[in-house]
Amino acid sequence: METPVIAPQVGFVSSCISLFTGTAPDFVDITDEVQQRISTSGITYGMAVIASQHTTAAIVVNEHEPELLKDLSQMLSEIAPEEDVYAHNSVPCGPQETANGHAHCRALLLPTSASIPIAHRSAVLGRYQRIFLVELDCPRPRQVMVALLGS
């Protein structure tokens, strides 16, 4: 077991990852971008909070194995099929918006953020763990906030 570290000075750094998603559902691996921000932040020990800035995009930690990601996409599509009737779809949309009741229903099942420990200027993840933005709606620009707190 590692010896606890007492933080002599606490710092906070935040940044935004901007990306464009593909299909939906889509699992976009953002682990390397998060790690890059941790590495250059000056924070050696602490916590990273990774948060979606959208109601139809989630943040999850899971394995980046293509067949598993297909299974997870299929599960989300079966839980809230896009072709079903949703009351939300009757609400008028703005010029850049689409009817997306299915995406909001899928989002209710997934977290909008993840908290990851930082040690030795690195995200502490298990052997197969990766951080994903999950697109639940349609291809579009997305933003993910990365907030780092530590010493």
Protein backbone atom coordinates (compact mmCIF):
# COMPACT_ATOMS: atom_id res chain seq x y z
CA MET A 1 0.00 0.00 0.00
CA GLU A 2 1.27 3.44 -0.92
CA THR A 3 2.06 5.93 1.85
CA PRO A 4 -0.55 8.72 2.02
CA VAL A 5 0.61 12.05 0.63
CA ILE A 6 -0.09 15.22 2.58
CA ALA A 7 -0.76 18.07 0.16
CA PRO A 8 1.35 21.08 1.14
CA GLN A 9 -0.32 23.29 -1.44
CA VAL A 10 -3.54 22.65 -3.30
CA GLY A 11 -4.07 23.79 -6.88
CA PHE A 12 -6.91 23.77 -9.35
CA VAL A 13 -6.65 23.56 -13.13
CA SER A 14 -9.50 23.26 -15.62
CA SER A 15 -9.66 22.91 -19.37
CA CYS A 16 -12.06 21.86 -22.07
CA ILE A 17 -11.75 19.04 -24.58
CA SER A 18 -13.58 19.92 -27.81
CA LEU A 19 -14.40 17.15 -30.25
CA PHE A 20 -16.82 16.15 -32.98
CA THR A 21 -18.69 12.88 -32.54
CA GLY A 22 -19.57 10.35 -35.21
CA THR A 23 -22.58 8.07 -35.06
CA ALA A 24 -24.88 7.47 -32.11
CA PRO A 25 -24.47 5.70 -29.90
CA ASP A 26 -20.75 6.37 -30.18
CA PHE A 27 -17.98 5.77 -27.63
CA VAL A 28 -15.21 8.35 -28.07
CA ASP A 29 -12.07 7.45 -26.11
CA ILE A 30 -10.78 10.64 -24.46
CA THR A 31 -8.31 8.97 -22.08
CA ASP A 32 -5.19 10.27 -23.83
CA GLU A 33 -6.53 13.86 -23.90
CA VAL A 34 -7.34 13.69 -20.18
CA GLN A 35 -3.92 12.22 -19.40
CA GLN A 36 -2.20 14.96 -21.41
CA ARG A 37 -3.98 17.62 -19.35
CA ILE A 38 -2.99 15.89 -16.10
CA SER A 39 0.65 15.54 -17.22
CA THR A 40 1.01 19.24 -18.00
CA SER A 41 -1.09 20.57 -15.10
CA GLY A 42 1.61 20.56 -12.44
CA ILE A 43 -0.64 18.42 -10.23
CA THR A 44 1.12 15.31 -8.95
CA TYR A 45 -1.55 13.93 -6.58
CA GLY A 46 -5.25 14.70 -6.54
CA MET A 47 -8.46 14.13 -8.41
CA ALA A 48 -9.63 14.62 -11.99
CA VAL A 49 -13.29 15.28 -12.65
CA ILE A 50 -14.30 14.74 -16.27
CA ALA A 51 -17.76 16.14 -17.09
CA SER A 52 -19.93 16.27 -20.19
CA GLN A 53 -21.37 19.70 -20.96
CA HIS A 54 -24.44 18.17 -22.64
CA THR A 55 -27.71 16.49 -21.66
CA THR A 56 -27.40 13.89 -24.41
CA ALA A 57 -23.75 12.88 -23.95
CA ALA A 58 -22.35 10.88 -21.05
CA ILE A 59 -18.97 10.13 -19.48
CA VAL A 60 -18.18 6.50 -18.64
CA VAL A 61 -15.17 4.39 -17.73
CA ASN A 62 -15.05 1.02 -19.45
CA GLU A 63 -12.90 -1.22 -21.61
CA HIS A 64 -11.93 -0.13 -25.13
CA GLU A 65 -12.62 -3.42 -26.87
CA PRO A 66 -14.43 -3.02 -30.22
CA GLU A 67 -16.84 -5.94 -29.80
CA LEU A 68 -17.79 -4.80 -26.29
CA LEU A 69 -18.44 -1.28 -27.57
CA LYS A 70 -20.75 -2.78 -30.23
CA ASP A 71 -22.61 -4.65 -27.47
CA LEU A 72 -22.96 -1.50 -25.37
CA SER A 73 -24.20 0.51 -28.38
CA GLN A 74 -26.74 -2.20 -29.20
CA MET A 75 -27.94 -2.28 -25.58
CA LEU A 76 -28.50 1.50 -25.56
CA SER A 77 -30.34 1.33 -28.89
CA GLU A 78 -32.61 -1.43 -27.57
CA ILE A 79 -33.36 0.38 -24.30
CA ALA A 80 -34.50 3.58 -26.05
CA PRO A 81 -34.92 2.99 -29.80
CA GLU A 82 -34.67 6.13 -31.93
CA GLU A 83 -37.78 5.16 -33.93
CA ASP A 84 -40.06 4.95 -30.85
CA VAL A 85 -42.55 7.73 -30.12
CA TYR A 86 -41.36 10.24 -27.50
CA ALA A 87 -43.43 13.14 -26.18
CA HIS A 88 -40.27 15.29 -26.14
CA ASN A 89 -40.09 14.98 -29.94
CA SER A 90 -43.28 17.06 -30.25
CA VAL A 91 -41.53 20.10 -28.75
CA PRO A 92 -40.36 22.50 -31.51
CA CYS A 93 -36.62 22.30 -32.15
CA GLY A 94 -34.18 25.12 -32.81
CA PRO A 95 -32.45 25.45 -36.21
CA GLN A 96 -29.48 23.20 -35.25
CA GLU A 97 -31.49 20.70 -33.19
CA THR A 98 -33.21 17.41 -33.97
CA ALA A 99 -35.96 15.42 -32.25
CA ASN A 100 -34.01 13.51 -29.63
CA GLY A 101 -36.28 12.03 -26.98
CA HIS A 102 -34.45 8.72 -27.34
CA ALA A 103 -31.10 10.37 -26.52
CA HIS A 104 -32.44 11.98 -23.33
CA CYS A 105 -33.89 8.63 -22.21
CA ARG A 106 -30.54 6.91 -22.82
CA ALA A 107 -28.72 9.69 -20.97
CA LEU A 108 -30.82 9.13 -17.87
CA LEU A 109 -29.11 5.74 -17.49
CA LEU A 110 -25.51 6.99 -17.75
CA PRO A 111 -23.43 9.41 -15.65
CA THR A 112 -22.52 12.87 -16.88
CA SER A 113 -19.16 12.79 -15.11
CA ALA A 114 -16.42 10.56 -13.71
CA SER A 115 -13.91 11.19 -10.92
CA ILE A 116 -10.48 9.65 -11.41
CA PRO A 117 -7.64 9.73 -8.86
CA ILE A 118 -4.32 11.27 -9.89
CA ALA A 119 -1.01 9.86 -8.64
CA HIS A 120 2.49 10.59 -9.93
CA ARG A 121 1.00 13.02 -12.54
CA SER A 122 -1.04 10.24 -14.06
CA ALA A 123 -4.69 9.14 -14.08
CA VAL A 124 -5.07 6.08 -11.87
CA LEU A 125 -6.98 3.65 -14.07
CA GLY A 126 -7.18 -0.13 -14.07
CA ARG A 127 -5.47 -2.23 -16.72
CA TYR A 128 -8.39 -2.10 -19.16
CA GLN A 129 -10.10 1.10 -18.05
CA ARG A 130 -10.50 3.95 -20.52
CA ILE A 131 -12.50 7.19 -20.30
CA PHE A 132 -15.22 7.70 -22.91
CA LEU A 133 -17.56 10.44 -23.99
CA VAL A 134 -20.70 8.58 -25.07
CA GLU A 135 -22.65 10.28 -27.86
CA LEU A 136 -26.34 9.46 -27.42
CA ASP A 137 -27.91 11.81 -29.98
CA CYS A 138 -26.33 12.52 -33.37
CA PRO A 139 -22.96 13.63 -34.79
CA ARG A 140 -22.14 17.08 -33.47
CA PRO A 141 -19.52 19.19 -31.68
CA ARG A 142 -19.15 18.29 -28.00
CA GLN A 143 -17.27 19.75 -25.06
CA VAL A 144 -15.93 17.91 -22.03
CA MET A 145 -14.71 19.80 -18.96
CA VAL A 146 -11.63 18.43 -17.22
CA ALA A 147 -11.20 19.83 -13.69
CA LEU A 148 -8.04 18.88 -11.76
CA LEU A 149 -7.67 19.45 -8.04
CA GLY A 150 -4.56 18.48 -6.10
CA SER A 151 -0.99 19.26 -5.19
